[in-house]
């Protein structure tokens, strides 16, 4: 496997596992905290965060806007436990997908339904950034409105 892909997948795994550890520290009654009007609640953030790997995998593969709409409707987790399962399953799907790509396939550009084109490797880098961004939001929301999460964010 490509060393850069392996390193990127490792960082994604670190991020997803730390998100799951933060989820383990929450209760259902804490999920409806919404510290900023018209922004995501903790529940909405967790739903989005848990689905990033699964959703972005479909985007890399060229899913249409309608296919993504159906995907989100069918796979949206409604419990903390299900959000954890979706996050980990999405990570495993991405690992499997990316480990199978050849060097040529990694450099092939794919275009999202909104018109952005990246190589498959660039999409992976974008996914890592996307998960880390929302993980930081989760950490901040928990720290400010629930409790300090007991989690190591970086190795």
C-alpha atoms as a PDB file:
ATOM      1  CA  UNK A   1       0.000   0.000   0.000  1.00  0.00           C
ATOM      2  CA  UNK A   2       1.095   3.568  -0.688  1.00  0.00           C
ATOM      3  CA  UNK A   3       2.926   4.967   2.372  1.00  0.00           C
ATOM      4  CA  UNK A   4       1.071   8.279   2.202  1.00  0.00           C
ATOM      5  CA  UNK A   5      -2.290   6.524   2.097  1.00  0.00           C
ATOM      6  CA  UNK A   6      -1.253   4.330   5.008  1.00  0.00           C
ATOM      7  CA  UNK A   7      -0.224   7.389   7.054  1.00  0.00           C
ATOM      8  CA  UNK A   8      -3.407   9.280   6.168  1.00  0.00           C
ATOM      9  CA  UNK A   9      -5.586   6.311   7.097  1.00  0.00           C
ATOM     10  CA  UNK A  10      -3.725   6.046  10.394  1.00  0.00           C
ATOM     11  CA  UNK A  11      -4.472   9.695  11.198  1.00  0.00           C
ATOM     12  CA  UNK A  12      -8.109   9.170  10.261  1.00  0.00           C
ATOM     13  CA  UNK A  13      -8.239   6.147  12.559  1.00  0.00           C
ATOM     14  CA  UNK A  14      -6.773   8.195  15.437  1.00  0.00           C
ATOM     15  CA  UNK A  15      -9.398  10.873  14.881  1.00  0.00           C
ATOM     16  CA  UNK A  16     -12.377   8.522  14.585  1.00  0.00           C
ATOM     17  CA  UNK A  17     -11.347   6.461  17.625  1.00  0.00           C
ATOM     18  CA  UNK A  18     -10.993   9.602  19.743  1.00  0.00           C
ATOM     19  CA  UNK A  19     -14.449  10.760  18.597  1.00  0.00           C
ATOM     20  CA  UNK A  20     -15.898   7.406  19.660  1.00  0.00           C
ATOM     21  CA  UNK A  21     -14.201   7.797  23.057  1.00  0.00           C
ATOM     22  CA  UNK A  22     -15.817  11.211  23.445  1.00  0.00           C
ATOM     23  CA  UNK A  23     -19.192   9.737  22.488  1.00  0.00           C
ATOM     24  CA  UNK A  24     -18.717   7.157  25.237  1.00  0.00           C
ATOM     25  CA  UNK A  25     -18.589  10.033  27.743  1.00  0.00           C
ATOM     26  CA  UNK A  26     -21.950  11.505  26.740  1.00  0.00           C
ATOM     27  CA  UNK A  27     -25.484  10.637  27.748  1.00  0.00           C
ATOM     28  CA  UNK A  28     -28.582  10.898  25.586  1.00  0.00           C
ATOM     29  CA  UNK A  29     -29.886  13.713  27.784  1.00  0.00           C
ATOM     30  CA  UNK A  30     -26.826  15.851  26.926  1.00  0.00           C
ATOM     31  CA  UNK A  31     -27.198  15.578  23.169  1.00  0.00           C
ATOM     32  CA  UNK A  32     -29.713  18.368  22.645  1.00  0.00           C
ATOM     33  CA  UNK A  33     -27.374  21.070  23.920  1.00  0.00           C
ATOM     34  CA  UNK A  34     -27.244  23.782  21.274  1.00  0.00           C
ATOM     35  CA  UNK A  35     -24.892  26.516  22.466  1.00  0.00           C
ATOM     36  CA  UNK A  36     -25.210  28.793  19.415  1.00  0.00           C
ATOM     37  CA  UNK A  37     -28.582  29.690  17.936  1.00  0.00           C
ATOM     38  CA  UNK A  38     -29.155  28.367  14.413  1.00  0.00           C
ATOM     39  CA  UNK A  39     -26.093  26.092  14.617  1.00  0.00           C
ATOM     40  CA  UNK A  40     -25.840  22.358  15.116  1.00  0.00           C
ATOM     41  CA  UNK A  41     -26.748  20.844  18.445  1.00  0.00           C
ATOM     42  CA  UNK A  42     -24.404  18.293  19.950  1.00  0.00           C
ATOM     43  CA  UNK A  43     -26.703  15.575  18.552  1.00  0.00           C
ATOM     44  CA  UNK A  44     -26.632  17.058  15.037  1.00  0.00           C
ATOM     45  CA  UNK A  45     -22.859  17.416  15.170  1.00  0.00           C
ATOM     46  CA  UNK A  46     -22.458  13.779  16.213  1.00  0.00           C
ATOM     47  CA  UNK A  47     -24.778  12.600  13.442  1.00  0.00           C
ATOM     48  CA  UNK A  48     -22.774  14.536  10.862  1.00  0.00           C
ATOM     49  CA  UNK A  49     -19.400  13.540  12.301  1.00  0.00           C
ATOM     50  CA  UNK A  50     -20.298   9.869  12.517  1.00  0.00           C
ATOM     51  CA  UNK A  51     -21.320   9.777   8.848  1.00  0.00           C
ATOM     52  CA  UNK A  52     -18.315  11.552   7.300  1.00  0.00           C
ATOM     53  CA  UNK A  53     -16.304   8.460   6.346  1.00  0.00           C
ATOM     54  CA  UNK A  54     -19.282   6.599   4.871  1.00  0.00           C
ATOM     55  CA  UNK A  55     -20.567   9.661   3.045  1.00  0.00           C
ATOM     56  CA  UNK A  56     -17.232  10.851   1.710  1.00  0.00           C
ATOM     57  CA  UNK A  57     -16.467   7.354   0.433  1.00  0.00           C
ATOM     58  CA  UNK A  58     -19.559   7.629  -1.733  1.00  0.00           C
ATOM     59  CA  UNK A  59     -18.529  11.086  -2.923  1.00  0.00           C
ATOM     60  CA  UNK A  60     -15.113   9.744  -3.983  1.00  0.00           C
ATOM     61  CA  UNK A  61     -16.917   7.068  -5.954  1.00  0.00           C
ATOM     62  CA  UNK A  62     -19.002   9.689  -7.799  1.00  0.00           C
ATOM     63  CA  UNK A  63     -22.341   9.576  -5.988  1.00  0.00           C
ATOM     64  CA  UNK A  64     -24.916  12.045  -7.249  1.00  0.00           C
ATOM     65  CA  UNK A  65     -26.674  14.611  -5.075  1.00  0.00           C
ATOM     66  CA  UNK A  66     -29.810  12.477  -5.095  1.00  0.00           C
ATOM     67  CA  UNK A  67     -27.851   9.348  -4.135  1.00  0.00           C
ATOM     68  CA  UNK A  68     -26.318  11.277  -1.230  1.00  0.00           C
ATOM     69  CA  UNK A  69     -29.721  12.547  -0.105  1.00  0.00           C
ATOM     70  CA  UNK A  70     -31.013   8.957  -0.042  1.00  0.00           C
ATOM     71  CA  UNK A  71     -27.855   7.760   1.738  1.00  0.00           C
ATOM     72  CA  UNK A  72     -28.198  10.326   4.526  1.00  0.00           C
ATOM     73  CA  UNK A  73     -31.876   9.535   4.991  1.00  0.00           C
ATOM     74  CA  UNK A  74     -31.274   5.769   5.165  1.00  0.00           C
ATOM     75  CA  UNK A  75     -28.148   5.772   7.341  1.00  0.00           C
ATOM     76  CA  UNK A  76     -28.662   8.610   9.815  1.00  0.00           C
ATOM     77  CA  UNK A  77     -27.922   7.261  13.307  1.00  0.00           C
ATOM     78  CA  UNK A  78     -30.572   7.988  15.936  1.00  0.00           C
ATOM     79  CA  UNK A  79     -28.698   6.838  19.034  1.00  0.00           C
ATOM     80  CA  UNK A  80     -25.214   7.314  20.442  1.00  0.00           C
ATOM     81  CA  UNK A  81     -24.535   3.610  20.051  1.00  0.00           C
ATOM     82  CA  UNK A  82     -25.566   3.673  16.408  1.00  0.00           C
ATOM     83  CA  UNK A  83     -23.462   6.809  15.773  1.00  0.00           C
ATOM     84  CA  UNK A  84     -20.408   4.981  17.125  1.00  0.00           C
ATOM     85  CA  UNK A  85     -21.151   1.965  14.931  1.00  0.00           C
ATOM     86  CA  UNK A  86     -21.586   4.147  11.832  1.00  0.00           C
ATOM     87  CA  UNK A  87     -18.346   6.045  12.511  1.00  0.00           C
ATOM     88  CA  UNK A  88     -16.320   2.849  12.927  1.00  0.00           C
ATOM     89  CA  UNK A  89     -17.986   1.073   9.986  1.00  0.00           C
ATOM     90  CA  UNK A  90     -17.283   4.081   7.764  1.00  0.00           C
ATOM     91  CA  UNK A  91     -13.640   4.074   8.806  1.00  0.00           C
ATOM     92  CA  UNK A  92     -13.343   0.354   7.971  1.00  0.00           C
ATOM     93  CA  UNK A  93     -15.032   0.875   4.598  1.00  0.00           C
ATOM     94  CA  UNK A  94     -12.571   3.646   3.731  1.00  0.00           C
ATOM     95  CA  UNK A  95      -9.590   1.574   4.833  1.00  0.00           C
ATOM     96  CA  UNK A  96     -10.730  -1.310   2.649  1.00  0.00           C
ATOM     97  CA  UNK A  97     -11.429   0.948  -0.327  1.00  0.00           C
ATOM     98  CA  UNK A  98      -8.149   2.845  -0.163  1.00  0.00           C
ATOM     99  CA  UNK A  99      -6.003  -0.212   0.446  1.00  0.00           C
ATOM    100  CA  UNK A 100      -7.315  -1.566  -2.852  1.00  0.00           C
ATOM    101  CA  UNK A 101      -6.437   1.440  -4.987  1.00  0.00           C
ATOM    102  CA  UNK A 102      -3.427   1.259  -7.279  1.00  0.00           C
ATOM    103  CA  UNK A 103      -1.058   4.223  -7.597  1.00  0.00           C
ATOM    104  CA  UNK A 104      -2.784   5.171 -10.851  1.00  0.00           C
ATOM    105  CA  UNK A 105      -6.233   5.021  -9.245  1.00  0.00           C
ATOM    106  CA  UNK A 106      -5.059   7.197  -6.331  1.00  0.00           C
ATOM    107  CA  UNK A 107      -4.042   9.925  -8.768  1.00  0.00           C
ATOM    108  CA  UNK A 108      -7.237   9.743 -10.846  1.00  0.00           C
ATOM    109  CA  UNK A 109      -9.468  12.749 -10.352  1.00  0.00           C
ATOM    110  CA  UNK A 110     -13.090  12.309  -9.411  1.00  0.00           C
ATOM    111  CA  UNK A 111     -15.664  15.077  -9.324  1.00  0.00           C
ATOM    112  CA  UNK A 112     -18.190  15.643  -6.559  1.00  0.00           C
ATOM    113  CA  UNK A 113     -21.826  16.353  -7.335  1.00  0.00           C
ATOM    114  CA  UNK A 114     -21.179  20.036  -6.499  1.00  0.00           C
ATOM    115  CA  UNK A 115     -18.366  20.237  -9.056  1.00  0.00           C
ATOM    116  CA  UNK A 116     -15.108  19.967  -7.053  1.00  0.00           C
ATOM    117  CA  UNK A 117     -12.472  17.685  -8.581  1.00  0.00           C
ATOM    118  CA  UNK A 118      -9.692  16.066  -6.567  1.00  0.00           C
ATOM    119  CA  UNK A 119      -7.531  13.004  -6.978  1.00  0.00           C
ATOM    120  CA  UNK A 120      -8.684  10.092  -4.832  1.00  0.00           C
ATOM    121  CA  UNK A 121      -5.688  10.746  -2.603  1.00  0.00           C
ATOM    122  CA  UNK A 122      -6.659  14.417  -2.218  1.00  0.00           C
ATOM    123  CA  UNK A 123     -10.161  13.319  -1.217  1.00  0.00           C
ATOM    124  CA  UNK A 124      -8.604  11.209   1.537  1.00  0.00           C
ATOM    125  CA  UNK A 125      -6.619  14.193   2.808  1.00  0.00           C
ATOM    126  CA  UNK A 126      -9.819  16.259   2.733  1.00  0.00           C
ATOM    127  CA  UNK A 127     -11.611  13.585   4.784  1.00  0.00           C
ATOM    128  CA  UNK A 128      -8.890  13.662   7.442  1.00  0.00           C
ATOM    129  CA  UNK A 129      -9.238  17.442   7.672  1.00  0.00           C
ATOM    130  CA  UNK A 130     -13.035  17.200   7.759  1.00  0.00           C
ATOM    131  CA  UNK A 131     -13.043  14.720  10.659  1.00  0.00           C
ATOM    132  CA  UNK A 132     -10.413  16.670  12.616  1.00  0.00           C
ATOM    133  CA  UNK A 133     -12.382  19.905  12.125  1.00  0.00           C
ATOM    134  CA  UNK A 134     -15.599  18.460  13.541  1.00  0.00           C
ATOM    135  CA  UNK A 135     -13.739  16.559  16.251  1.00  0.00           C
ATOM    136  CA  UNK A 136     -12.417  19.922  17.459  1.00  0.00           C
ATOM    137  CA  UNK A 137     -15.964  21.286  17.490  1.00  0.00           C
ATOM    138  CA  UNK A 138     -17.126  18.285  19.508  1.00  0.00           C
ATOM    139  CA  UNK A 139     -14.275  18.663  21.981  1.00  0.00           C
ATOM    140  CA  UNK A 140     -14.985  22.364  22.424  1.00  0.00           C
ATOM    141  CA  UNK A 141     -18.737  21.881  22.841  1.00  0.00           C
ATOM    142  CA  UNK A 142     -18.200  19.151  25.410  1.00  0.00           C
ATOM    143  CA  UNK A 143     -15.610  21.194  27.302  1.00  0.00           C
ATOM    144  CA  UNK A 144     -17.741  24.323  27.411  1.00  0.00           C
ATOM    145  CA  UNK A 145     -21.187  22.793  27.962  1.00  0.00           C
ATOM    146  CA  UNK A 146     -20.889  19.255  29.349  1.00  0.00           C
ATOM    147  CA  UNK A 147     -17.512  18.374  30.885  1.00  0.00           C
ATOM    148  CA  UNK A 148     -13.876  18.125  29.913  1.00  0.00           C
ATOM    149  CA  UNK A 149     -13.585  15.036  27.697  1.00  0.00           C
ATOM    150  CA  UNK A 150     -11.047  12.534  28.928  1.00  0.00           C
ATOM    151  CA  UNK A 151      -9.462  11.666  25.610  1.00  0.00           C
ATOM    152  CA  UNK A 152      -6.056  11.836  23.997  1.00  0.00           C
ATOM    153  CA  UNK A 153      -6.425  13.795  20.756  1.00  0.00           C
ATOM    154  CA  UNK A 154      -2.966  13.203  19.325  1.00  0.00           C
ATOM    155  CA  UNK A 155      -0.469  10.388  19.638  1.00  0.00           C
END
